[in-house]
């Protein structure tokens, strides 16, 4: 089949790799001018480890592993450690692999078969599915037809909006916003990932260091905010206002440095809940279908596993797309649902709403440490 994949994130590149190897003609379009390499390190967990093995990338993923251990601690307003984060709170198995996002994207890009066409600064504007083909118009004015369209364009998916309905129809807001940016002045030697986190009621400010890199990470509780998620200036203003007047620990310095990052990542933590991930000749994978939010720490694993499962079912069912899509959903939904359920408790762990909740969390974590 001739297949269009919208989005060149983990899900999109993985789909490109898997589908092309299965013999399909694949084109990937990405609205930005580059692969997204910014953001905090990501994890390959659970069944996705075997998926990575099947894709032939597991050795490369392991070679870029940040560390076998992770040191994460919560600090008080002076910077003194008050509680460690117990890894059992977030990990699935000891085999979970953490690596920098930029390294995984480079691995996937290098693994992408040469025959896959990857177009940057291109995006889908219209989709018309006549039952036999999907006619697509792009922002560039180009027009083309495909046997299948895969929406892998993230939580704010344009493909989902065009085919299934407005984003708000499928969004479950978790009440938290997140921002991540480079803070080069905070780097530290060593190979282990070391993360320090200060909690104030409804606020989280932290710095994560690994290799020669450091990231400022912020989270804050809020009702939904009306802003353009493509407007970097608006995102920076919201972040600055959320932490205005806070002088504790390193917060002023971290905020100032992150606001200077031209590649600042900012988004709402909201899950995508859909009754179906396919319609006609269009199917969704990754965050476009079932965003669990970074609170789950499983978005990359779901993307790898979902693209692999979709490809297997297309191969198994041939021209019967409806059966292939239904089988893909039946197999993959339990993984997505488990990740979403896990994430729903993330705000209470990482962004407690009150001083009392912060102290209760710290007390529980201290008690959970092995003797």
Protein backbone atom coordinates (compact mmCIF):
# COMPACT_ATOMS: atom_id res chain seq x y z
CA UNK A 1 0.00 0.00 0.00
CA UNK A 2 0.94 3.62 -0.35
CA UNK A 3 0.86 4.99 3.19
CA UNK A 4 1.10 8.53 4.56
CA UNK A 5 2.36 8.97 8.11
CA UNK A 6 1.67 12.38 9.66
CA UNK A 7 4.24 13.23 12.32
CA UNK A 8 7.94 12.35 12.68
CA UNK A 9 8.11 11.69 16.38
CA UNK A 10 8.79 8.29 17.91
CA UNK A 11 5.47 6.88 16.69
CA UNK A 12 5.83 8.26 13.17
CA UNK A 13 9.42 7.17 12.62
CA UNK A 14 8.70 3.75 14.12
CA UNK A 15 5.73 3.34 11.79
CA UNK A 16 7.91 4.37 8.87
CA UNK A 17 10.51 1.74 9.76
CA UNK A 18 8.05 -1.08 10.40
CA UNK A 19 5.70 -0.40 7.48
CA UNK A 20 8.48 0.06 4.92
CA UNK A 21 10.15 -3.17 6.01
CA UNK A 22 6.78 -4.89 5.55
CA UNK A 23 6.84 -3.82 1.90
CA UNK A 24 4.70 -0.69 1.93
CA UNK A 25 5.50 2.60 0.20
CA UNK A 26 5.75 5.13 3.03
CA UNK A 27 5.87 8.92 3.15
CA UNK A 28 6.27 10.81 6.44
CA UNK A 29 5.43 14.50 6.80
CA UNK A 30 6.51 16.66 9.76
CA UNK A 31 5.19 20.18 10.33
CA UNK A 32 8.44 21.46 11.93
CA UNK A 33 11.84 21.81 10.26
CA UNK A 34 13.60 19.12 12.31
CA UNK A 35 13.14 16.08 14.48
CA UNK A 36 12.24 16.95 18.06
CA UNK A 37 15.36 16.33 20.17
CA UNK A 38 14.57 18.51 23.19
CA UNK A 39 12.92 17.39 26.37
CA UNK A 40 13.72 15.14 29.26
CA UNK A 41 15.18 11.64 28.84
CA UNK A 42 12.72 8.95 27.84
CA UNK A 43 12.24 5.29 28.70
CA UNK A 44 11.87 2.04 26.82
CA UNK A 45 9.92 -0.25 29.13
CA UNK A 46 8.18 -3.60 29.39
CA UNK A 47 7.11 -5.21 26.11
CA UNK A 48 8.58 -2.31 24.14
CA UNK A 49 12.04 -3.69 24.94
CA UNK A 50 11.23 -6.76 22.82
CA UNK A 51 9.74 -4.48 20.17
CA UNK A 52 13.04 -2.60 20.03
CA UNK A 53 14.81 -5.93 19.64
CA UNK A 54 12.53 -6.86 16.74
CA UNK A 55 13.21 -3.50 15.09
CA UNK A 56 16.93 -4.13 15.40
CA UNK A 57 17.57 -1.07 17.56
CA UNK A 58 17.85 -2.59 21.04
CA UNK A 59 21.66 -2.75 21.07
CA UNK A 60 21.88 0.91 20.02
CA UNK A 61 19.28 1.90 22.63
CA UNK A 62 21.22 0.10 25.35
CA UNK A 63 24.49 1.65 24.17
CA UNK A 64 23.00 5.11 24.80
CA UNK A 65 21.59 4.23 28.19
CA UNK A 66 22.18 7.05 30.64
CA UNK A 67 22.89 4.93 33.69
CA UNK A 68 21.98 1.73 35.47
CA UNK A 69 20.89 3.77 38.47
CA UNK A 70 19.12 7.06 38.98
CA UNK A 71 19.36 9.48 41.85
CA UNK A 72 16.25 11.59 42.32
CA UNK A 73 15.67 13.56 45.49
CA UNK A 74 13.19 16.10 46.73
CA UNK A 75 14.71 19.14 48.42
CA UNK A 76 13.42 21.83 50.75
CA UNK A 77 13.41 25.59 50.12
CA UNK A 78 17.10 25.82 51.04
CA UNK A 79 18.12 22.93 48.77
CA UNK A 80 18.63 20.33 51.52
CA UNK A 81 17.48 16.82 50.64
CA UNK A 82 14.27 15.78 52.40
CA UNK A 83 13.23 12.57 50.60
CA UNK A 84 14.42 10.27 47.79
CA UNK A 85 12.18 9.12 44.94
CA UNK A 86 11.77 5.36 45.14
CA UNK A 87 12.32 3.94 41.65
CA UNK A 88 9.70 1.27 42.24
CA UNK A 89 7.19 4.12 42.17
CA UNK A 90 7.78 4.63 38.45
CA UNK A 91 9.64 1.67 36.91
CA UNK A 92 8.06 -1.51 35.56
CA UNK A 93 11.08 -3.82 35.67
CA UNK A 94 14.83 -3.55 36.36
CA UNK A 95 15.31 -3.90 32.59
CA UNK A 96 13.74 -0.51 31.83
CA UNK A 97 16.11 1.60 29.71
CA UNK A 98 16.40 5.37 30.03
CA UNK A 99 18.19 7.33 27.32
CA UNK A 100 18.26 10.90 26.00
CA UNK A 101 15.41 11.72 23.65
CA UNK A 102 17.85 13.07 21.08
CA UNK A 103 19.71 9.75 21.01
CA UNK A 104 16.55 7.71 20.40
CA UNK A 105 15.46 10.07 17.61
CA UNK A 106 18.88 9.74 15.98
CA UNK A 107 18.69 5.95 16.22
CA UNK A 108 15.24 5.87 14.61
CA UNK A 109 16.28 8.30 11.87
CA UNK A 110 19.33 6.21 11.04
CA UNK A 111 17.21 3.03 11.00
CA UNK A 112 14.57 4.52 8.68
CA UNK A 113 14.83 2.67 5.33
CA UNK A 114 16.20 4.78 2.50
CA UNK A 115 13.05 4.35 0.43
CA UNK A 116 10.93 6.16 3.05
CA UNK A 117 10.32 9.76 2.02
CA UNK A 118 10.62 12.16 4.96
CA UNK A 119 9.35 15.69 4.32
CA UNK A 120 9.91 18.49 6.84
CA UNK A 121 7.89 21.72 7.05
CA UNK A 122 4.89 19.95 5.57
CA UNK A 123 1.53 19.21 7.15
CA UNK A 124 -1.87 17.85 6.28
CA UNK A 125 -4.60 20.44 5.66
CA UNK A 126 -7.49 18.34 4.30
CA UNK A 127 -8.32 14.63 4.15
CA UNK A 128 -11.05 13.13 1.96
CA UNK A 129 -11.64 9.39 2.31
CA UNK A 130 -13.80 8.03 -0.53
CA UNK A 131 -13.59 4.44 0.65
CA UNK A 132 -10.93 3.41 -1.86
CA UNK A 133 -8.27 6.08 -1.32
CA UNK A 134 -7.60 9.09 0.90
CA UNK A 135 -7.07 12.34 -0.99
CA UNK A 136 -4.78 14.67 0.95
CA UNK A 137 -4.04 18.36 0.52
CA UNK A 138 -0.91 19.70 2.21
CA UNK A 139 -0.06 23.17 3.48
CA UNK A 140 2.41 23.55 0.62
CA UNK A 141 -0.46 23.16 -1.87
CA UNK A 142 0.67 19.69 -2.92
CA UNK A 143 -2.02 17.06 -3.41
CA UNK A 144 -1.65 13.28 -3.27
CA UNK A 145 -3.69 10.12 -2.68
CA UNK A 146 -2.92 7.23 -0.34
CA UNK A 147 -4.32 3.82 0.51
CA UNK A 148 -3.92 4.52 4.21
CA UNK A 149 -3.19 7.51 6.45
CA UNK A 150 -1.55 7.04 9.85
CA UNK A 151 -1.98 9.90 12.31
CA UNK A 152 1.16 9.93 14.47
CA UNK A 153 1.13 13.67 15.07
CA UNK A 154 0.91 13.82 18.84
CA UNK A 155 -1.60 14.86 21.45
CA UNK A 156 -2.62 17.90 19.37
CA UNK A 157 -3.07 15.75 16.26
CA UNK A 158 -4.29 17.52 13.14
CA UNK A 159 -5.27 14.20 11.57
CA UNK A 160 -7.47 13.38 14.56
CA UNK A 161 -9.11 16.79 14.39
CA UNK A 162 -9.80 16.50 10.66
CA UNK A 163 -11.21 12.98 10.76
CA UNK A 164 -12.59 12.37 14.26
CA UNK A 165 -13.47 15.79 15.69
CA UNK A 166 -12.13 18.62 17.81
CA UNK A 167 -9.42 17.91 20.38
CA UNK A 168 -11.62 18.96 23.31
CA UNK A 169 -13.98 16.06 22.56
CA UNK A 170 -11.27 13.55 23.50
CA UNK A 171 -9.26 15.42 26.13
CA UNK A 172 -9.14 14.65 29.84
CA UNK A 173 -7.29 17.47 31.58
CA UNK A 174 -5.13 16.31 34.51
CA UNK A 175 -4.84 19.77 36.01
CA UNK A 176 -1.09 20.20 35.46
CA UNK A 177 1.16 22.03 32.98
CA UNK A 178 4.80 21.16 32.30
CA UNK A 179 7.78 23.09 30.91
CA UNK A 180 11.27 21.78 30.10
CA UNK A 181 14.29 23.72 28.87
CA UNK A 182 18.06 23.63 28.76
CA UNK A 183 19.96 25.10 31.72
CA UNK A 184 23.61 24.78 30.65
CA UNK A 185 24.95 26.47 33.77
CA UNK A 186 23.66 23.60 35.93
CA UNK A 187 25.63 20.73 34.38
CA UNK A 188 27.66 18.40 36.63
CA UNK A 189 30.24 15.67 35.99
CA UNK A 190 29.37 11.99 36.12
CA UNK A 191 27.34 9.51 34.10
CA UNK A 192 24.40 8.97 36.46
CA UNK A 193 21.23 10.98 36.08
CA UNK A 194 20.84 13.20 39.13
CA UNK A 195 17.58 15.07 39.63
CA UNK A 196 16.69 17.57 42.36
CA UNK A 197 13.11 18.70 42.86
CA UNK A 198 11.63 21.45 45.01
CA UNK A 199 7.92 21.29 45.75
CA UNK A 200 5.81 24.21 46.84
CA UNK A 201 2.03 23.76 47.03
CA UNK A 202 0.88 23.06 43.49
CA UNK A 203 4.36 23.78 42.12
CA UNK A 204 7.37 21.70 41.07
CA UNK A 205 10.74 23.14 40.05
CA UNK A 206 13.67 20.86 39.36
CA UNK A 207 16.92 20.31 37.56
CA UNK A 208 17.92 17.02 35.93
CA UNK A 209 21.58 16.43 35.09
CA UNK A 210 22.97 13.66 32.93
CA UNK A 211 26.19 13.39 30.94
CA UNK A 212 27.08 16.97 29.96
CA UNK A 213 23.49 18.18 29.88
CA UNK A 214 21.12 19.78 32.38
CA UNK A 215 17.41 20.47 32.08
CA UNK A 216 15.18 22.76 34.07
CA UNK A 217 11.82 21.08 34.66
CA UNK A 218 8.70 22.84 35.92
CA UNK A 219 5.19 21.64 36.66
CA UNK A 220 2.27 23.54 38.13
CA UNK A 221 -1.37 22.85 38.85
CA UNK A 222 -3.91 24.92 36.97
CA UNK A 223 -7.35 24.87 35.45
CA UNK A 224 -7.27 24.77 31.61
CA UNK A 225 -5.54 27.82 30.13
CA UNK A 226 -6.67 29.23 26.79
CA UNK A 227 -3.58 29.77 24.60
CA UNK A 228 -2.17 28.80 21.19
CA UNK A 229 0.02 25.74 21.80
CA UNK A 230 2.20 26.81 18.85
CA UNK A 231 2.84 30.27 20.38
CA UNK A 232 6.19 30.11 22.20
CA UNK A 233 5.81 33.64 23.52
CA UNK A 234 2.50 32.78 25.16
CA UNK A 235 3.99 29.63 26.67
CA UNK A 236 6.88 31.59 28.19
CA UNK A 237 4.51 34.18 29.66
CA UNK A 238 2.41 31.47 31.31
CA UNK A 239 5.49 29.81 32.79
CA UNK A 240 6.89 33.12 34.08
CA UNK A 241 3.58 34.02 35.71
CA UNK A 242 3.24 30.59 37.33
CA UNK A 243 6.57 30.99 39.16
CA UNK A 244 6.62 34.75 39.64
CA UNK A 245 7.66 35.87 43.11
CA UNK A 246 9.19 32.52 44.11
CA UNK A 247 12.72 33.15 45.41
CA UNK A 248 13.42 29.76 47.01
CA UNK A 249 16.38 27.52 46.14
CA UNK A 250 17.45 27.90 42.47
CA UNK A 251 14.02 28.74 41.15
CA UNK A 252 14.67 32.32 39.90
CA UNK A 253 17.84 31.26 38.07
CA UNK A 254 16.21 28.16 36.57
CA UNK A 255 13.19 30.12 35.36
CA UNK A 256 15.34 32.82 33.78
CA UNK A 257 17.55 30.30 31.97
CA UNK A 258 14.70 28.13 30.72
CA UNK A 259 12.83 31.17 29.40
CA UNK A 260 15.90 31.93 27.24
CA UNK A 261 15.75 28.51 25.58
CA UNK A 262 14.40 28.94 22.02
CA UNK A 263 13.35 25.29 22.04
CA UNK A 264 11.41 25.41 25.30
CA UNK A 265 8.91 22.57 25.63
CA UNK A 266 5.61 23.58 27.21
CA UNK A 267 2.31 21.74 27.26
CA UNK A 268 -0.68 20.74 29.30
CA UNK A 269 -0.75 17.30 30.87
CA UNK A 270 -3.93 15.96 29.32
CA UNK A 271 -4.88 12.48 28.23
CA UNK A 272 -6.52 11.55 24.95
CA UNK A 273 -9.44 9.15 25.46
CA UNK A 274 -11.09 7.83 22.29
CA UNK A 275 -13.74 5.15 21.70
CA UNK A 276 -12.03 4.18 18.42
CA UNK A 277 -8.62 4.87 16.91
CA UNK A 278 -9.63 4.26 13.31
CA UNK A 279 -12.18 5.49 10.84
CA UNK A 280 -12.28 4.36 7.23
CA UNK A 281 -8.74 4.37 5.89
CA UNK A 282 -7.34 6.55 8.67
CA UNK A 283 -5.79 5.16 11.87
CA UNK A 284 -4.13 6.83 14.87
CA UNK A 285 -1.08 5.66 16.83
CA UNK A 286 0.97 7.03 19.71
CA UNK A 287 -0.14 10.15 21.57
CA UNK A 288 -2.59 11.02 18.80
CA UNK A 289 -4.63 7.97 19.81
CA UNK A 290 -4.01 7.56 23.53
CA UNK A 291 -1.74 10.18 25.08
CA UNK A 292 -1.09 9.15 28.68
CA UNK A 293 1.03 12.27 29.40
CA UNK A 294 4.68 12.33 30.54
CA UNK A 295 3.38 11.52 34.04
CA UNK A 296 3.17 7.91 32.85
CA UNK A 297 6.73 7.74 31.52
CA UNK A 298 5.45 5.30 28.91
CA UNK A 299 4.69 7.38 25.82
CA UNK A 300 7.75 6.23 23.87
CA UNK A 301 7.15 2.59 24.76
CA UNK A 302 3.52 2.85 23.65
CA UNK A 303 4.62 4.49 20.39
CA UNK A 304 7.13 1.73 19.58
CA UNK A 305 4.69 -1.03 20.51
CA UNK A 306 1.71 0.53 18.73
CA UNK A 307 3.51 1.00 15.42
CA UNK A 308 4.79 -2.58 15.58
CA UNK A 309 1.34 -4.01 16.43
CA UNK A 310 -0.38 -2.04 13.66
CA UNK A 311 2.15 -3.28 11.10
CA UNK A 312 1.72 -6.90 12.22
CA UNK A 313 -2.05 -6.70 11.91
CA UNK A 314 -1.93 -5.05 8.49
CA UNK A 315 0.35 -7.86 7.35
CA UNK A 316 -1.96 -10.48 8.87
CA UNK A 317 -5.20 -9.13 7.41
CA UNK A 318 -4.06 -7.89 4.00
CA UNK A 319 -6.68 -5.73 2.26
CA UNK A 320 -9.19 -6.07 5.12
CA UNK A 321 -8.31 -2.80 6.83
CA UNK A 322 -11.27 -2.86 9.18
CA UNK A 323 -10.21 -6.21 10.63
CA UNK A 324 -6.57 -5.11 10.83
CA UNK A 325 -7.47 -1.92 12.69
CA UNK A 326 -9.84 -3.73 15.03
CA UNK A 327 -7.18 -6.32 15.88
CA UNK A 328 -4.58 -3.58 16.43
CA UNK A 329 -6.89 -1.82 18.87
CA UNK A 330 -7.84 -5.01 20.70
CA UNK A 331 -4.17 -5.88 21.29
CA UNK A 332 -2.90 -2.39 22.07
CA UNK A 333 -5.70 -0.85 24.15
CA UNK A 334 -4.79 -2.69 27.38
CA UNK A 335 -1.27 -1.21 27.25
CA UNK A 336 -2.59 2.32 26.65
CA UNK A 337 -5.24 2.00 29.34
CA UNK A 338 -2.72 0.79 31.92
CA UNK A 339 -0.38 3.70 31.17
CA UNK A 340 -3.20 6.22 31.44
CA UNK A 341 -4.34 4.77 34.75
CA UNK A 342 -0.79 4.91 36.10
CA UNK A 343 -0.45 8.57 35.13
CA UNK A 344 -3.58 9.67 36.96
CA UNK A 345 -1.77 9.39 40.28
CA UNK A 346 1.29 11.25 39.04
CA UNK A 347 0.17 14.71 40.10
CA UNK A 348 -0.22 13.68 43.73
CA UNK A 349 3.27 12.15 43.69
CA UNK A 350 5.12 14.90 41.85
CA UNK A 351 3.01 18.05 42.43
CA UNK A 352 1.24 17.77 45.80
CA UNK A 353 -1.35 20.50 46.22
CA UNK A 354 -0.66 21.52 49.86
CA UNK A 355 2.19 21.69 52.38
CA UNK A 356 0.49 18.86 54.27
CA UNK A 357 0.39 16.69 51.14
CA UNK A 358 4.06 17.46 50.42
CA UNK A 359 5.09 16.36 53.91
CA UNK A 360 2.93 13.23 53.75
CA UNK A 361 4.52 12.27 50.41
CA UNK A 362 8.03 12.85 51.79
CA UNK A 363 7.30 10.82 54.91
CA UNK A 364 6.00 7.92 52.81
CA UNK A 365 9.04 7.98 50.51
CA UNK A 366 11.48 8.06 53.42
CA UNK A 367 9.75 5.08 55.00
CA UNK A 368 9.85 3.13 51.74
CA UNK A 369 13.64 3.28 51.45
CA UNK A 370 15.37 -0.10 51.91
CA UNK A 371 17.38 -0.46 55.14
